[in-house]
Protein backbone atom coordinates (compact mmCIF):
# COMPACT_ATOMS: atom_id res chain seq x y z
CA MET A 1 -20.76 -1.30 18.03
CA ASN A 2 -19.05 2.22 17.97
CA ASP A 3 -16.75 3.48 15.13
CA LYS A 4 -13.55 2.33 16.72
CA GLN A 5 -14.94 -1.16 17.49
CA LYS A 6 -16.10 -1.36 13.82
CA ALA A 7 -12.51 -0.15 12.68
CA PHE A 8 -10.75 -2.62 14.98
CA PHE A 9 -12.91 -5.67 13.75
CA ALA A 10 -12.13 -4.59 10.04
CA ILE A 11 -8.47 -4.38 10.78
CA PHE A 12 -8.56 -7.67 12.59
CA LEU A 13 -10.28 -9.52 9.84
CA LEU A 14 -8.02 -7.83 7.27
CA SER A 15 -5.02 -9.00 9.07
CA VAL A 16 -6.14 -12.64 9.16
CA LEU A 17 -7.08 -12.61 5.48
CA SER A 18 -3.74 -10.95 4.44
CA GLY A 19 -1.86 -13.30 6.75
CA THR A 20 -2.67 -16.06 4.34
CA THR A 21 -1.78 -14.22 1.17
CA ALA A 22 1.94 -14.51 0.99
CA ALA A 23 1.75 -18.52 1.22
CA ILE A 24 -0.98 -18.72 -1.44
CA VAL A 25 0.70 -16.26 -3.73
CA LYS A 26 3.68 -18.40 -3.62
CA ILE A 27 1.85 -21.27 -4.96
CA GLY A 28 0.46 -18.96 -7.92
CA LEU A 29 3.89 -17.86 -8.81
CA VAL A 30 5.07 -21.48 -9.35
CA SER A 31 3.72 -21.26 -12.81
CA ILE A 32 2.74 -17.71 -13.34
CA PRO A 33 5.06 -14.81 -13.85
CA PRO A 34 4.80 -12.18 -11.30
CA LEU A 35 3.46 -9.06 -13.38
CA SER A 36 1.13 -11.46 -15.03
CA PHE A 37 -0.26 -12.77 -11.85
CA ALA A 38 -0.54 -9.09 -10.46
CA PHE A 39 -2.68 -8.13 -13.60
CA LEU A 40 -4.83 -11.34 -13.61
CA ARG A 41 -5.29 -10.83 -9.90
CA PHE A 42 -6.80 -7.53 -10.35
CA LEU A 43 -8.54 -8.55 -13.52
CA ILE A 44 -10.53 -11.18 -11.78
CA ALA A 45 -11.47 -8.66 -8.91
CA GLY A 46 -12.49 -6.33 -11.57
CA ILE A 47 -14.71 -8.40 -13.50
CA PHE A 48 -16.27 -9.50 -10.12
CA ILE A 49 -17.07 -5.75 -8.75
CA LEU A 50 -17.67 -4.17 -12.26
CA PRO A 51 -21.42 -5.24 -12.45
CA PHE A 52 -22.09 -3.93 -8.96
CA LEU A 53 -20.42 -0.60 -9.86
CA ILE A 54 -22.63 -0.29 -13.07
CA SER A 55 -25.75 -1.15 -11.14
CA ARG A 56 -24.91 1.84 -8.66
CA ASN A 57 -24.21 4.01 -11.54
CA LYS A 58 -20.81 4.95 -10.03
CA ILE A 59 -18.61 4.51 -13.18
CA LYS A 60 -18.18 8.36 -13.35
CA SER A 61 -16.59 8.28 -10.06
CA LEU A 62 -13.52 6.35 -11.33
CA TRP A 63 -12.17 9.52 -12.98
CA GLU A 64 -12.35 11.54 -10.04
CA LEU A 65 -10.59 8.82 -7.82
CA ALA A 66 -8.10 7.77 -10.32
CA PRO A 67 -5.25 10.19 -9.37
CA LEU A 68 -5.55 8.91 -5.72
CA SER A 69 -5.93 5.20 -6.77
CA LEU A 70 -2.56 5.61 -8.77
CA LEU A 71 -0.90 5.94 -5.48
CA ALA A 72 -2.10 2.39 -4.38
CA THR A 73 -1.19 1.15 -7.85
CA LEU A 74 2.34 2.25 -7.53
CA ASN A 75 2.57 0.47 -4.50
CA ILE A 76 1.34 -2.81 -5.98
CA ILE A 77 3.80 -2.56 -8.94
CA VAL A 78 6.98 -1.62 -6.93
CA PHE A 79 6.34 -4.39 -4.41
CA VAL A 80 6.12 -6.87 -6.94
CA LEU A 81 9.31 -5.71 -8.60
CA GLY A 82 10.98 -5.06 -5.20
CA ILE A 83 10.35 -8.37 -3.53
CA LYS A 84 11.99 -10.11 -6.44
CA THR A 85 15.49 -9.05 -5.27
CA THR A 86 15.01 -8.24 -1.39
CA THR A 87 13.67 -10.37 1.21
CA ALA A 88 10.36 -10.79 2.61
CA THR A 89 11.80 -10.00 6.15
CA ILE A 90 13.14 -6.50 5.23
CA ALA A 91 9.91 -5.83 3.25
CA GLN A 92 7.68 -6.64 6.38
CA LEU A 93 9.92 -4.29 8.50
CA LEU A 94 9.71 -1.51 5.91
CA TYR A 95 6.03 -1.58 5.65
CA ALA A 96 5.82 -1.67 9.59
CA GLY A 97 6.82 2.05 9.25
CA VAL A 98 3.65 3.06 7.38
CA PRO A 99 1.79 3.97 10.65
CA LEU A 100 4.80 6.37 11.66
CA LEU A 101 5.14 7.82 8.10
CA THR A 102 1.32 8.22 8.02
CA GLY A 103 1.69 10.39 11.18
CA LEU A 104 4.42 12.43 9.73
CA PHE A 105 2.50 13.09 6.60
CA LEU A 106 -0.59 14.03 8.65
CA PHE A 107 1.54 16.67 10.27
CA VAL A 108 2.93 17.93 6.96
CA PHE A 109 -0.07 18.32 5.08
CA PHE A 110 -2.78 18.97 7.73
CA LYS A 111 -0.74 20.10 10.71
CA GLU A 112 -2.00 17.43 13.01
CA ARG A 113 0.16 16.23 15.80
CA LEU A 114 0.46 12.54 16.96
CA THR A 115 -0.94 12.50 20.57
CA GLN A 116 1.26 10.77 23.15
CA LYS A 117 -1.07 7.82 23.26
CA LYS A 118 -0.73 7.17 19.54
CA THR A 119 2.91 7.76 19.72
CA ILE A 120 3.28 5.07 22.49
CA GLY A 121 1.05 2.67 20.48
CA ILE A 122 2.92 2.81 17.25
CA SER A 123 6.20 2.48 18.88
CA LEU A 124 5.00 -0.65 20.94
CA GLY A 125 3.49 -2.06 17.56
CA PHE A 126 6.73 -1.57 15.78
CA LEU A 127 8.63 -3.34 18.50
CA GLY A 128 6.25 -6.13 18.21
CA VAL A 129 6.80 -6.46 14.51
CA ALA A 130 10.62 -6.39 15.04
CA LEU A 131 10.37 -9.11 17.44
CA VAL A 132 8.23 -11.27 15.35
CA VAL A 133 10.27 -10.79 12.20
CA LEU A 134 13.85 -10.48 13.62
CA LEU A 135 14.21 -13.07 16.44
CA PRO A 136 13.71 -16.15 14.37
CA ILE A 137 16.14 -14.84 11.83
CA PHE A 138 18.82 -14.11 14.59
CA GLU A 139 18.14 -17.65 16.16
CA LYS A 140 18.56 -19.07 12.60
CA GLY A 141 21.76 -16.87 11.89
CA THR A 142 20.26 -15.97 8.30
CA LYS A 143 20.81 -12.62 6.68
CA PHE A 144 18.05 -10.36 6.09
CA SER A 145 19.22 -7.16 4.63
CA GLY A 146 18.16 -7.75 1.01
CA ASP A 147 19.34 -6.03 -1.97
CA LEU A 148 19.52 -2.06 -2.24
CA SER A 149 17.46 -1.60 -5.30
CA GLY A 150 14.70 -4.03 -3.99
CA ASN A 151 14.87 -2.23 -0.77
CA LEU A 152 14.53 1.20 -2.47
CA LEU A 153 11.52 -0.05 -4.44
CA ILE A 154 9.72 -1.47 -1.46
CA SER A 155 10.43 1.98 0.19
CA ILE A 156 8.69 3.80 -2.33
CA GLY A 157 5.74 1.53 -2.09
CA VAL A 158 5.63 2.32 1.62
CA ILE A 159 5.55 6.08 0.95
CA SER A 160 2.98 5.74 -1.89
CA TRP A 161 0.58 3.55 0.27
CA SER A 162 0.97 6.08 3.32
CA LEU A 163 -0.32 8.73 0.86
CA TYR A 164 -3.05 6.77 -0.27
CA ALA A 165 -4.21 5.88 3.30
CA LEU A 166 -3.94 9.70 4.41
CA PHE A 167 -5.86 11.11 1.48
CA SER A 168 -8.33 8.33 1.21
CA LYS A 169 -9.86 9.47 4.79
CA LYS A 170 -11.01 12.89 2.84
CA LYS A 171 -12.38 11.19 -0.17
CA LEU A 172 -14.38 8.76 2.06
CA GLN A 173 -16.42 11.78 3.14
CA SER A 174 -17.84 11.79 -0.53
CA PHE A 175 -17.52 8.18 -1.75
CA SER A 176 -18.27 4.79 -0.04
CA PRO A 177 -15.56 2.29 0.85
CA PHE A 178 -16.90 -0.03 -2.06
CA VAL A 179 -16.26 2.70 -4.73
CA MET A 180 -13.08 3.61 -3.33
CA THR A 181 -11.88 -0.01 -3.58
CA ALA A 182 -13.61 -0.54 -7.03
CA ALA A 183 -11.68 2.59 -8.56
CA PHE A 184 -8.31 1.17 -7.26
CA ILE A 185 -8.85 -2.19 -8.51
CA LEU A 186 -10.01 -0.96 -12.05
CA VAL A 187 -7.22 1.64 -12.30
CA THR A 188 -4.64 -0.92 -11.24
CA CYS A 189 -6.00 -3.37 -14.00
CA ILE A 190 -5.64 -0.81 -16.59
CA VAL A 191 -2.08 0.23 -15.62
CA LEU A 192 -1.09 -3.38 -15.18
CA PHE A 193 -2.11 -4.38 -18.80
CA PRO A 194 0.83 -3.13 -20.73
CA LEU A 195 3.15 -4.75 -18.22
CA PHE A 196 1.30 -8.05 -18.64
CA ILE A 197 1.65 -7.71 -22.34
CA ALA A 198 5.38 -7.06 -22.08
CA GLU A 199 5.98 -10.01 -19.72
CA SER A 200 3.94 -12.22 -21.93
CA ILE A 201 6.31 -11.56 -24.62
CA THR A 202 9.34 -12.33 -22.45
CA TYR A 203 7.60 -15.50 -21.14
CA PRO A 204 5.85 -16.67 -24.18
CA ALA A 205 3.27 -19.52 -23.60
CA TRP A 206 3.72 -19.65 -19.76
CA TRP A 207 -0.09 -20.64 -19.34
CA LYS A 208 0.93 -23.99 -20.81
CA ALA A 209 2.40 -24.77 -17.58
CA LEU A 210 -0.58 -23.65 -15.42
CA THR A 211 -1.59 -26.20 -12.55
CA PRO A 212 -4.88 -26.26 -10.76
CA SER A 213 -3.35 -25.19 -7.70
CA SER A 214 -1.90 -22.12 -9.55
CA ILE A 215 -5.31 -21.41 -10.67
CA LEU A 216 -7.02 -21.76 -7.56
CA SER A 217 -4.22 -19.53 -5.96
CA LEU A 218 -5.23 -16.76 -8.45
CA ILE A 219 -8.98 -16.96 -7.86
CA TYR A 220 -8.53 -16.90 -4.09
CA ILE A 221 -6.09 -13.92 -4.34
CA GLY A 222 -8.31 -12.18 -6.92
CA ILE A 223 -11.35 -12.25 -4.88
CA VAL A 224 -10.47 -12.68 -1.16
CA SER A 225 -7.07 -11.03 -0.89
CA THR A 226 -8.03 -8.17 -3.36
CA ILE A 227 -11.72 -7.36 -3.03
CA PHE A 228 -12.37 -8.09 0.54
CA THR A 229 -8.86 -7.14 2.06
CA TYR A 230 -8.87 -3.63 0.25
CA LEU A 231 -12.55 -3.18 1.21
CA LEU A 232 -11.83 -3.76 4.76
CA ASN A 233 -8.89 -1.24 4.53
CA GLN A 234 -11.17 1.43 3.31
CA TYR A 235 -13.70 0.54 6.05
CA ALA A 236 -11.08 0.82 8.79
CA ILE A 237 -9.99 4.29 7.25
CA LYS A 238 -13.48 5.38 7.24
CA HIS A 239 -14.36 4.48 10.81
CA GLY A 240 -10.78 4.72 12.56
CA GLY A 241 -8.89 7.00 10.53
CA SER A 242 -5.53 6.62 8.32
CA ILE A 243 -3.16 5.83 11.24
CA PHE A 244 -5.36 3.29 12.84
CA ALA A 245 -6.00 1.69 9.43
CA SER A 246 -2.24 1.47 8.87
CA MET A 247 -1.77 -0.83 12.09
CA GLN A 248 -2.75 -3.70 9.89
CA PHE A 249 1.05 -3.86 9.18
CA TYR A 250 1.56 -4.64 12.70
CA LEU A 251 -0.77 -7.64 12.55
CA ILE A 252 -0.24 -9.12 9.35
CA PRO A 253 3.37 -10.40 10.20
CA VAL A 254 1.86 -11.96 13.47
CA PHE A 255 -0.83 -13.85 11.54
CA ALA A 256 1.49 -14.68 8.62
CA TYR A 257 3.86 -16.40 11.07
CA PHE A 258 0.95 -18.00 12.94
CA PHE A 259 -0.68 -19.73 9.67
CA ALA A 260 3.06 -20.93 8.81
CA PHE A 261 2.84 -22.54 12.30
CA LEU A 262 -0.54 -23.79 11.99
CA LEU A 263 -0.54 -25.01 8.38
CA LEU A 264 3.24 -25.65 7.65
CA GLY A 265 4.26 -26.81 11.06
CA GLU A 266 6.71 -23.99 11.46
CA GLY A 267 8.02 -23.40 15.01
CA LEU A 268 6.02 -21.05 17.37
CA THR A 269 8.78 -18.78 18.70
CA LEU A 270 8.90 -16.53 21.83
CA GLY A 271 9.29 -13.68 19.26
CA LEU A 272 6.11 -14.62 17.79
CA VAL A 273 4.26 -14.72 20.94
CA ALA A 274 5.68 -11.71 22.45
CA GLY A 275 5.65 -9.67 19.39
CA GLY A 276 1.89 -10.53 18.86
CA PHE A 277 1.10 -9.31 22.23
CA LEU A 278 3.14 -6.02 21.80
CA ALA A 279 1.41 -5.52 18.17
CA LEU A 280 -1.95 -5.80 19.77
CA LEU A 281 -1.18 -3.84 22.78
CA GLY A 282 0.05 -1.02 20.73
CA ILE A 283 -3.37 -1.04 18.66
CA TYR A 284 -5.29 -1.04 21.92
CA ILE A 285 -3.27 1.98 23.16
CA THR A 286 -3.63 3.81 19.89
CA THR A 287 -7.42 3.48 19.76
CA LYS A 288 -8.09 3.69 23.51
CA LYS A 289 -9.72 6.98 24.36
């Protein structure tokens, strides 16, 4: 299996796992405030990966990776705050701009131009996401624009994640995907702690309303949707590059709608089928030599 095939497998598996995340997070948020959920998510992940980090004697690496990790941490915080006032639909569309933005940053910082194939692939993928997200909305006649402040916060998250993906490629020459992921998780946990305390003051004794489903949701998100998905992301960056790894944002909405159809009985629309095909075609063209 060559590097491109490894990267494609990582992106595909990452997208499948991430496609289940939104629904499972919603279950947890029924009884857990959003910032507390985010902190506990990364706390669980941190507790899980810390022994492995210590056994490999990589704790000192966290200091060197902390500034870069803060870009990904910012994405987590602004997304949690932004999604409260905007819609999931507009958030998906904004994040679909990550591949193009990453390509722009590649040119700005490293003077690397997008090839014609990558440009076509990114454009087709974006069109696929637009079909998946927008056609069902138009069919139902629902508004999807969201709130301006929420949209701005999500946009900040898109920019910070694009920069994180871009500069991760260079750091992966010196650090393994595991160490990169561990640094991000632990830095995020530290940054979220004061926000967790502040929210606990605003919502005192929220834990008394915890349900078994919320606890299971938190554990799943902490381990599967945090450790494994972010590890797969770093693996994809290492073997496929920043732009290729960012193509996950074309597949995640496809799988999210697919699982809604499979698990919740929601309709399988023409937009989902056509958009999913275009997203896969775009990724194929982007990675084709």
